[in-house]
PDB file of N, CA and C in Angstrom:
ATOM      1  N   MET A   1       0.846  -1.170   0.000  1.00  0.00           N
ATOM      2  CA  MET A   1       0.000   0.000   0.000  1.00  0.00           C
ATOM      3  C   MET A   1       0.899   1.243   0.000  1.00  0.00           C
ATOM      4  N   ASN A   2       0.641   2.167  -0.914  1.00  0.00           N
ATOM      5  CA  ASN A   2       1.439   3.391  -0.949  1.00  0.00           C
ATOM      6  C   ASN A   2       0.775   4.493  -0.121  1.00  0.00           C
ATOM      7  N   ILE A   3       1.441   5.613  -0.004  1.00  0.00           N
ATOM      8  CA  ILE A   3       0.968   6.688   0.862  1.00  0.00           C
ATOM      9  C   ILE A   3      -0.372   7.258   0.403  1.00  0.00           C
ATOM     10  N   GLU A   4      -0.592   7.326  -0.902  1.00  0.00           N
ATOM     11  CA  GLU A   4      -1.860   7.843  -1.422  1.00  0.00           C
ATOM     12  C   GLU A   4      -3.022   6.931  -1.041  1.00  0.00           C
ATOM     13  N   GLN A   5      -2.809   5.616  -1.130  1.00  0.00           N
ATOM     14  CA  GLN A   5      -3.854   4.669  -0.747  1.00  0.00           C
ATOM     15  C   GLN A   5      -4.120   4.753   0.755  1.00  0.00           C
ATOM     16  N   LEU A   6      -3.069   4.836   1.518  1.00  0.00           N
ATOM     17  CA  LEU A   6      -3.203   4.933   2.965  1.00  0.00           C
ATOM     18  C   LEU A   6      -3.960   6.207   3.341  1.00  0.00           C
ATOM     19  N   GLU A   7      -3.593   7.308   2.716  1.00  0.00           N
ATOM     20  CA  GLU A   7      -4.262   8.586   2.975  1.00  0.00           C
ATOM     21  C   GLU A   7      -5.747   8.500   2.643  1.00  0.00           C
ATOM     22  N   SER A   8      -6.062   7.904   1.520  1.00  0.00           N
ATOM     23  CA  SER A   8      -7.456   7.754   1.112  1.00  0.00           C
ATOM     24  C   SER A   8      -8.253   6.934   2.123  1.00  0.00           C
ATOM     25  N   GLU A   9      -7.669   5.844   2.590  1.00  0.00           N
ATOM     26  CA  GLU A   9      -8.355   4.998   3.573  1.00  0.00           C
ATOM     27  C   GLU A   9      -8.529   5.730   4.906  1.00  0.00           C
ATOM     28  N   ILE A  10      -7.512   6.469   5.293  1.00  0.00           N
ATOM     29  CA  ILE A  10      -7.594   7.210   6.558  1.00  0.00           C
ATOM     30  C   ILE A  10      -8.680   8.275   6.482  1.00  0.00           C
ATOM     31  N   LEU A  11      -8.754   8.986   5.375  1.00  0.00           N
ATOM     32  CA  LEU A  11      -9.757  10.041   5.233  1.00  0.00           C
ATOM     33  C   LEU A  11     -11.172   9.495   5.185  1.00  0.00           C
ATOM     34  N   ASP A  12     -11.328   8.211   4.902  1.00  0.00           N
ATOM     35  CA  ASP A  12     -12.644   7.569   4.917  1.00  0.00           C
ATOM     36  C   ASP A  12     -13.071   7.136   6.319  1.00  0.00           C
ATOM     37  N   LEU A  13     -12.157   7.209   7.287  1.00  0.00           N
ATOM     38  CA  LEU A  13     -12.487   6.831   8.663  1.00  0.00           C
ATOM     39  C   LEU A  13     -13.441   7.854   9.277  1.00  0.00           C
ATOM     40  N   PRO A  14     -14.207   7.431  10.272  1.00  0.00           N
ATOM     41  CA  PRO A  14     -15.043   8.396  10.998  1.00  0.00           C
ATOM     42  C   PRO A  14     -14.173   9.474  11.653  1.00  0.00           C
ATOM     43  N   GLU A  15     -14.762  10.627  11.888  1.00  0.00           N
ATOM     44  CA  GLU A  15     -14.026  11.777  12.407  1.00  0.00           C
ATOM     45  C   GLU A  15     -13.296  11.454  13.711  1.00  0.00           C
ATOM     46  N   GLU A  16     -13.953  10.756  14.637  1.00  0.00           N
ATOM     47  CA  GLU A  16     -13.335  10.437  15.928  1.00  0.00           C
ATOM     48  C   GLU A  16     -12.084   9.581  15.752  1.00  0.00           C
ATOM     49  N   GLU A  17     -12.131   8.619  14.852  1.00  0.00           N
ATOM     50  CA  GLU A  17     -10.964   7.763  14.616  1.00  0.00           C
ATOM     51  C   GLU A  17      -9.848   8.538  13.928  1.00  0.00           C
ATOM     52  N   ARG A  18     -10.202   9.451  13.008  1.00  0.00           N
ATOM     53  CA  ARG A  18      -9.177  10.288  12.363  1.00  0.00           C
ATOM     54  C   ARG A  18      -8.509  11.189  13.391  1.00  0.00           C
ATOM     55  N   ALA A  19      -9.300  11.738  14.314  1.00  0.00           N
ATOM     56  CA  ALA A  19      -8.750  12.615  15.351  1.00  0.00           C
ATOM     57  C   ALA A  19      -7.795  11.840  16.256  1.00  0.00           C
ATOM     58  N   ARG A  20      -8.186  10.628  16.636  1.00  0.00           N
ATOM     59  CA  ARG A  20      -7.321   9.807  17.499  1.00  0.00           C
ATOM     60  C   ARG A  20      -6.018   9.478  16.779  1.00  0.00           C
ATOM     61  N   LEU A  21      -6.110   9.131  15.497  1.00  0.00           N
ATOM     62  CA  LEU A  21      -4.908   8.824  14.719  1.00  0.00           C
ATOM     63  C   LEU A  21      -4.034  10.069  14.563  1.00  0.00           C
ATOM     64  N   ALA A  22      -4.661  11.212  14.312  1.00  0.00           N
ATOM     65  CA  ALA A  22      -3.902  12.456  14.168  1.00  0.00           C
ATOM     66  C   ALA A  22      -3.146  12.779  15.454  1.00  0.00           C
ATOM     67  N   GLN A  23      -3.804  12.578  16.588  1.00  0.00           N
ATOM     68  CA  GLN A  23      -3.153  12.835  17.876  1.00  0.00           C
ATOM     69  C   GLN A  23      -1.950  11.917  18.061  1.00  0.00           C
ATOM     70  N   LYS A  24      -2.103  10.649  17.739  1.00  0.00           N
ATOM     71  CA  LYS A  24      -0.986   9.705  17.871  1.00  0.00           C
ATOM     72  C   LYS A  24       0.167  10.088  16.959  1.00  0.00           C
ATOM     73  N   LEU A  25      -0.154  10.490  15.742  1.00  0.00           N
ATOM     74  CA  LEU A  25       0.895  10.888  14.800  1.00  0.00           C
ATOM     75  C   LEU A  25       1.634  12.130  15.299  1.00  0.00           C
ATOM     76  N   LEU A  26       0.896  13.118  15.808  1.00  0.00           N
ATOM     77  CA  LEU A  26       1.530  14.333  16.313  1.00  0.00           C
ATOM     78  C   LEU A  26       2.398  14.038  17.528  1.00  0.00           C
ATOM     79  N   LEU A  27       1.907  13.199  18.425  1.00  0.00           N
ATOM     80  CA  LEU A  27       2.704  12.838  19.595  1.00  0.00           C
ATOM     81  C   LEU A  27       3.981  12.112  19.199  1.00  0.00           C
ATOM     82  N   SER A  28       3.904  11.322  18.146  1.00  0.00           N
ATOM     83  CA  SER A  28       5.101  10.594  17.715  1.00  0.00           C
ATOM     84  C   SER A  28       6.171  11.543  17.182  1.00  0.00           C
ATOM     85  N   LEU A  29       5.761  12.712  16.721  1.00  0.00           N
ATOM     86  CA  LEU A  29       6.718  13.701  16.220  1.00  0.00           C
ATOM     87  C   LEU A  29       7.301  14.544  17.349  1.00  0.00           C
ATOM     88  N   ASP A  30       6.524  14.740  18.420  1.00  0.00           N
ATOM     89  CA  ASP A  30       6.928  15.629  19.504  1.00  0.00           C
ATOM     90  C   ASP A  30       7.664  14.932  20.643  1.00  0.00           C
ATOM     91  N   THR A  31       7.655  13.630  20.667  1.00  0.00           N
ATOM     92  CA  THR A  31       8.240  12.897  21.781  1.00  0.00           C
ATOM     93  C   THR A  31       9.754  12.813  21.629  1.00  0.00           C
ATOM     94  N   PRO A  32      10.484  13.344  22.617  1.00  0.00           N
ATOM     95  CA  PRO A  32      11.948  13.260  22.539  1.00  0.00           C
ATOM     96  C   PRO A  32      12.423  11.821  22.773  1.00  0.00           C
ATOM     97  N   SER A  33      13.567  11.515  22.216  1.00  0.00           N
ATOM     98  CA  SER A  33      14.147  10.184  22.395  1.00  0.00           C
ATOM     99  C   SER A  33      14.697  10.056  23.821  1.00  0.00           C
ATOM    100  N   GLU A  34      14.970   8.818  24.232  1.00  0.00           N
ATOM    101  CA  GLU A  34      15.547   8.598  25.560  1.00  0.00           C
ATOM    102  C   GLU A  34      16.894   9.299  25.694  1.00  0.00           C
ATOM    103  N   ASP A  35      17.676   9.308  24.617  1.00  0.00           N
ATOM    104  CA  ASP A  35      18.970  10.003  24.645  1.00  0.00           C
ATOM    105  C   ASP A  35      18.785  11.508  24.850  1.00  0.00           C
ATOM    106  N   GLU A  36      17.775  12.086  24.179  1.00  0.00           N
ATOM    107  CA  GLU A  36      17.513  13.519  24.343  1.00  0.00           C
ATOM    108  C   GLU A  36      17.076  13.838  25.771  1.00  0.00           C
ATOM    109  N   ILE A  37      16.234  12.980  26.328  1.00  0.00           N
ATOM    110  CA  ILE A  37      15.772  13.179  27.700  1.00  0.00           C
ATOM    111  C   ILE A  37      16.949  13.096  28.672  1.00  0.00           C
ATOM    112  N   ALA A  38      17.799  12.085  28.497  1.00  0.00           N
ATOM    113  CA  ALA A  38      18.965  11.924  29.374  1.00  0.00           C
ATOM    114  C   ALA A  38      19.896  13.132  29.254  1.00  0.00           C
ATOM    115  N   LYS A  39      20.091  13.609  28.046  1.00  0.00           N
ATOM    116  CA  LYS A  39      20.949  14.779  27.823  1.00  0.00           C
ATOM    117  C   LYS A  39      20.371  16.006  28.519  1.00  0.00           C
ATOM    118  N   ASP A  40      19.052  16.198  28.410  1.00  0.00           N
ATOM    119  CA  ASP A  40      18.406  17.343  29.054  1.00  0.00           C
ATOM    120  C   ASP A  40      18.524  17.270  30.575  1.00  0.00           C
ATOM    121  N   TRP A  41      18.330  16.072  31.149  1.00  0.00           N
ATOM    122  CA  TRP A  41      18.449  15.914  32.603  1.00  0.00           C
ATOM    123  C   TRP A  41      19.877  16.172  33.061  1.00  0.00           C
ATOM    124  N   LEU A  42      20.861  15.691  32.304  1.00  0.00           N
ATOM    125  CA  LEU A  42      22.254  15.916  32.659  1.00  0.00           C
ATOM    126  C   LEU A  42      22.577  17.403  32.625  1.00  0.00           C
ATOM    127  N   GLU A  43      22.102  18.095  31.608  1.00  0.00           N
ATOM    128  CA  GLU A  43      22.341  19.539  31.505  1.00  0.00           C
ATOM    129  C   GLU A  43      21.697  20.270  32.680  1.00  0.00           C
ATOM    130  N   LEU A  44      20.489  19.881  33.043  1.00  0.00           N
ATOM    131  CA  LEU A  44      19.819  20.511  34.173  1.00  0.00           C
ATOM    132  C   LEU A  44      20.573  20.234  35.474  1.00  0.00           C
ATOM    133  N   ALA A  45      21.044  19.020  35.651  1.00  0.00           N
ATOM    134  CA  ALA A  45      21.811  18.679  36.855  1.00  0.00           C
ATOM    135  C   ALA A  45      23.088  19.514  36.935  1.00  0.00           C
ATOM    136  N   ARG A  46      23.761  19.683  35.815  1.00  0.00           N
ATOM    137  CA  ARG A  46      24.982  20.505  35.796  1.00  0.00           C
ATOM    138  C   ARG A  46      24.669  21.961  36.138  1.00  0.00           C
ATOM    139  N   GLN A  47      23.581  22.460  35.572  1.00  0.00           N
ATOM    140  CA  GLN A  47      23.169  23.839  35.830  1.00  0.00           C
ATOM    141  C   GLN A  47      22.838  24.026  37.309  1.00  0.00           C
ATOM    142  N   ARG A  48      22.078  23.106  37.878  1.00  0.00           N
ATOM    143  CA  ARG A  48      21.710  23.213  39.299  1.00  0.00           C
ATOM    144  C   ARG A  48      22.946  23.098  40.188  1.00  0.00           C
ATOM    145  N   ALA A  49      23.880  22.219  39.844  1.00  0.00           N
ATOM    146  CA  ALA A  49      25.108  22.083  40.635  1.00  0.00           C
ATOM    147  C   ALA A  49      25.913  23.379  40.596  1.00  0.00           C
ATOM    148  N   ALA A  50      25.982  23.994  39.422  1.00  0.00           N
ATOM    149  CA  ALA A  50      26.710  25.258  39.296  1.00  0.00           C
ATOM    150  C   ALA A  50      26.038  26.345  40.130  1.00  0.00           C
ATOM    151  N   GLU A  51      24.712  26.385  40.131  1.00  0.00           N
ATOM    152  CA  GLU A  51      23.994  27.376  40.935  1.00  0.00           C
ATOM    153  C   GLU A  51      24.272  27.167  42.425  1.00  0.00           C
ATOM    154  N   LEU A  52      24.309  25.915  42.864  1.00  0.00           N
ATOM    155  CA  LEU A  52      24.641  25.624  44.261  1.00  0.00           C
ATOM    156  C   LEU A  52      26.072  26.048  44.578  1.00  0.00           C
ATOM    157  N   ASP A  53      27.011  25.699  43.691  1.00  0.00           N
ATOM    158  CA  ASP A  53      28.423  26.042  43.908  1.00  0.00           C
ATOM    159  C   ASP A  53      28.641  27.548  43.977  1.00  0.00           C
ATOM    160  N   GLN A  54      27.879  28.296  43.192  1.00  0.00           N
ATOM    161  CA  GLN A  54      28.028  29.753  43.148  1.00  0.00           C
ATOM    162  C   GLN A  54      27.240  30.453  44.257  1.00  0.00           C
ATOM    163  N   GLY A  55      26.502  29.677  45.041  1.00  0.00           N
ATOM    164  CA  GLY A  55      25.712  30.259  46.123  1.00  0.00           C
ATOM    165  C   GLY A  55      24.471  30.995  45.643  1.00  0.00           C
ATOM    166  N   LEU A  56      24.044  30.724  44.413  1.00  0.00           N
ATOM    167  CA  LEU A  56      22.870  31.407  43.872  1.00  0.00           C
ATOM    168  C   LEU A  56      21.569  30.835  44.422  1.00  0.00           C
ATOM    169  N   VAL A  57      21.616  29.589  44.868  1.00  0.00           N
ATOM    170  CA  VAL A  57      20.444  28.933  45.451  1.00  0.00           C
ATOM    171  C   VAL A  57      20.880  28.192  46.704  1.00  0.00           C
ATOM    172  N   GLU A  58      19.920  27.955  47.577  1.00  0.00           N
ATOM    173  CA  GLU A  58      20.187  27.205  48.800  1.00  0.00           C
ATOM    174  C   GLU A  58      19.617  25.796  48.648  1.00  0.00           C
ATOM    175  N   PRO A  59      20.338  24.801  49.117  1.00  0.00           N
ATOM    176  CA  PRO A  59      19.794  23.445  49.037  1.00  0.00           C
ATOM    177  C   PRO A  59      18.588  23.294  49.959  1.00  0.00           C
ATOM    178  N   VAL A  60      17.667  22.411  49.561  1.00  0.00           N
ATOM    179  CA  VAL A  60      16.470  22.125  50.351  1.00  0.00           C
ATOM    180  C   VAL A  60      16.495  20.639  50.657  1.00  0.00           C
ATOM    181  N   SER A  61      16.305  20.300  51.919  1.00  0.00           N
ATOM    182  CA  SER A  61      16.337  18.890  52.303  1.00  0.00           C
ATOM    183  C   SER A  61      15.119  18.152  51.760  1.00  0.00           C
ATOM    184  N   ALA A  62      15.285  16.863  51.593  1.00  0.00           N
ATOM    185  CA  ALA A  62      14.181  16.032  51.126  1.00  0.00           C
ATOM    186  C   ALA A  62      13.017  16.087  52.111  1.00  0.00           C
ATOM    187  N   GLU A  63      13.330  16.146  53.379  1.00  0.00           N
ATOM    188  CA  GLU A  63      12.286  16.223  54.412  1.00  0.00           C
ATOM    189  C   GLU A  63      11.452  17.494  54.246  1.00  0.00           C
ATOM    190  N   GLU A  64      12.113  18.604  53.983  1.00  0.00           N
ATOM    191  CA  GLU A  64      11.394  19.868  53.806  1.00  0.00           C
ATOM    192  C   GLU A  64      10.523  19.823  52.556  1.00  0.00           C
ATOM    193  N   VAL A  65      11.033  19.257  51.485  1.00  0.00           N
ATOM    194  CA  VAL A  65      10.256  19.127  50.245  1.00  0.00           C
ATOM    195  C   VAL A  65       9.022  18.263  50.501  1.00  0.00           C
ATOM    196  N   ARG A  66       9.213  17.151  51.225  1.00  0.00           N
ATOM    197  CA  ARG A  66       8.099  16.252  51.524  1.00  0.00           C
ATOM    198  C   ARG A  66       7.044  16.972  52.364  1.00  0.00           C
ATOM    199  N   ARG A  67       7.492  17.709  53.361  1.00  0.00           N
ATOM    200  CA  ARG A  67       6.574  18.434  54.234  1.00  0.00           C
ATOM    201  C   ARG A  67       5.769  19.468  53.452  1.00  0.00           C
ATOM    202  N   LYS A  68       6.439  20.223  52.584  1.00  0.00           N
ATOM    203  CA  LYS A  68       5.745  21.231  51.778  1.00  0.00           C
ATOM    204  C   LYS A  68       4.760  20.576  50.814  1.00  0.00           C
ATOM    205  N   ALA A  69       5.156  19.455  50.232  1.00  0.00           N
ATOM    206  CA  ALA A  69       4.252  18.745  49.313  1.00  0.00           C
ATOM    207  C   ALA A  69       3.010  18.247  50.047  1.00  0.00           C
ATOM    208  N   GLU A  70       3.209  17.706  51.229  1.00  0.00           N
ATOM    209  CA  GLU A  70       2.071  17.236  52.015  1.00  0.00           C
ATOM    210  C   GLU A  70       1.132  18.378  52.371  1.00  0.00           C
ATOM    211  N   ASN A  71       1.687  19.530  52.713  1.00  0.00           N
ATOM    212  CA  ASN A  71       0.863  20.687  53.036  1.00  0.00           C
ATOM    213  C   ASN A  71       0.063  21.163  51.829  1.00  0.00           C
ATOM    214  N   LEU A  72       0.655  21.094  50.652  1.00  0.00           N
ATOM    215  CA  LEU A  72      -0.049  21.498  49.435  1.00  0.00           C
ATOM    216  C   LEU A  72      -1.211  20.554  49.113  1.00  0.00           C
ATOM    217  N   LEU A  73      -1.052  19.291  49.470  1.00  0.00           N
ATOM    218  CA  LEU A  73      -2.081  18.287  49.165  1.00  0.00           C
ATOM    219  C   LEU A  73      -3.234  18.297  50.154  1.00  0.00           C
ATOM    220  N   ARG A  74      -3.107  19.021  51.231  1.00  0.00           N
ATOM    221  CA  ARG A  74      -4.176  19.077  52.244  1.00  0.00           C
ATOM    222  C   ARG A  74      -5.262  20.023  51.851  1.00  0.00           C
TER     223      ARG A  74
END
Protein backbone atom coordinates (compact mmCIF):
# COMPACT_ATOMS: atom_id res chain seq x y z
CA MET A 1 0.00 0.00 0.00
CA ASN A 2 1.44 3.39 -0.95
CA ILE A 3 0.97 6.69 0.86
CA GLU A 4 -1.86 7.84 -1.42
CA GLN A 5 -3.85 4.67 -0.75
CA LEU A 6 -3.20 4.93 2.97
CA GLU A 7 -4.26 8.59 2.98
CA SER A 8 -7.46 7.75 1.11
CA GLU A 9 -8.35 5.00 3.57
CA ILE A 10 -7.59 7.21 6.56
CA LEU A 11 -9.76 10.04 5.23
CA ASP A 12 -12.64 7.57 4.92
CA LEU A 13 -12.49 6.83 8.66
CA PRO A 14 -15.04 8.40 11.00
CA GLU A 15 -14.03 11.78 12.41
CA GLU A 16 -13.34 10.44 15.93
CA GLU A 17 -10.96 7.76 14.62
CA ARG A 18 -9.18 10.29 12.36
CA ALA A 19 -8.75 12.61 15.35
CA ARG A 20 -7.32 9.81 17.50
CA LEU A 21 -4.91 8.82 14.72
CA ALA A 22 -3.90 12.46 14.17
CA GLN A 23 -3.15 12.83 17.88
CA LYS A 24 -0.99 9.71 17.87
CA LEU A 25 0.90 10.89 14.80
CA LEU A 26 1.53 14.33 16.31
CA LEU A 27 2.70 12.84 19.59
CA SER A 28 5.10 10.59 17.71
CA LEU A 29 6.72 13.70 16.22
CA ASP A 30 6.93 15.63 19.50
CA THR A 31 8.24 12.90 21.78
CA PRO A 32 11.95 13.26 22.54
CA SER A 33 14.15 10.18 22.40
CA GLU A 34 15.55 8.60 25.56
CA ASP A 35 18.97 10.00 24.65
CA GLU A 36 17.51 13.52 24.34
CA ILE A 37 15.77 13.18 27.70
CA ALA A 38 18.96 11.92 29.37
CA LYS A 39 20.95 14.78 27.82
CA ASP A 40 18.41 17.34 29.05
CA TRP A 41 18.45 15.91 32.60
CA LEU A 42 22.25 15.92 32.66
CA GLU A 43 22.34 19.54 31.51
CA LEU A 44 19.82 20.51 34.17
CA ALA A 45 21.81 18.68 36.85
CA ARG A 46 24.98 20.51 35.80
CA GLN A 47 23.17 23.84 35.83
CA ARG A 48 21.71 23.21 39.30
CA ALA A 49 25.11 22.08 40.64
CA ALA A 50 26.71 25.26 39.30
CA GLU A 51 23.99 27.38 40.94
CA LEU A 52 24.64 25.62 44.26
CA ASP A 53 28.42 26.04 43.91
CA GLN A 54 28.03 29.75 43.15
CA GLY A 55 25.71 30.26 46.12
CA LEU A 56 22.87 31.41 43.87
CA VAL A 57 20.44 28.93 45.45
CA GLU A 58 20.19 27.20 48.80
CA PRO A 59 19.79 23.45 49.04
CA VAL A 60 16.47 22.13 50.35
CA SER A 61 16.34 18.89 52.30
CA ALA A 62 14.18 16.03 51.13
CA GLU A 63 12.29 16.22 54.41
CA GLU A 64 11.39 19.87 53.81
CA VAL A 65 10.26 19.13 50.25
CA ARG A 66 8.10 16.25 51.52
CA ARG A 67 6.57 18.43 54.23
CA LYS A 68 5.75 21.23 51.78
CA ALA A 69 4.25 18.74 49.31
CA GLU A 70 2.07 17.24 52.01
CA ASN A 71 0.86 20.69 53.04
CA LEU A 72 -0.05 21.50 49.44
CA LEU A 73 -2.08 18.29 49.16
CA ARG A 74 -4.18 19.08 52.24
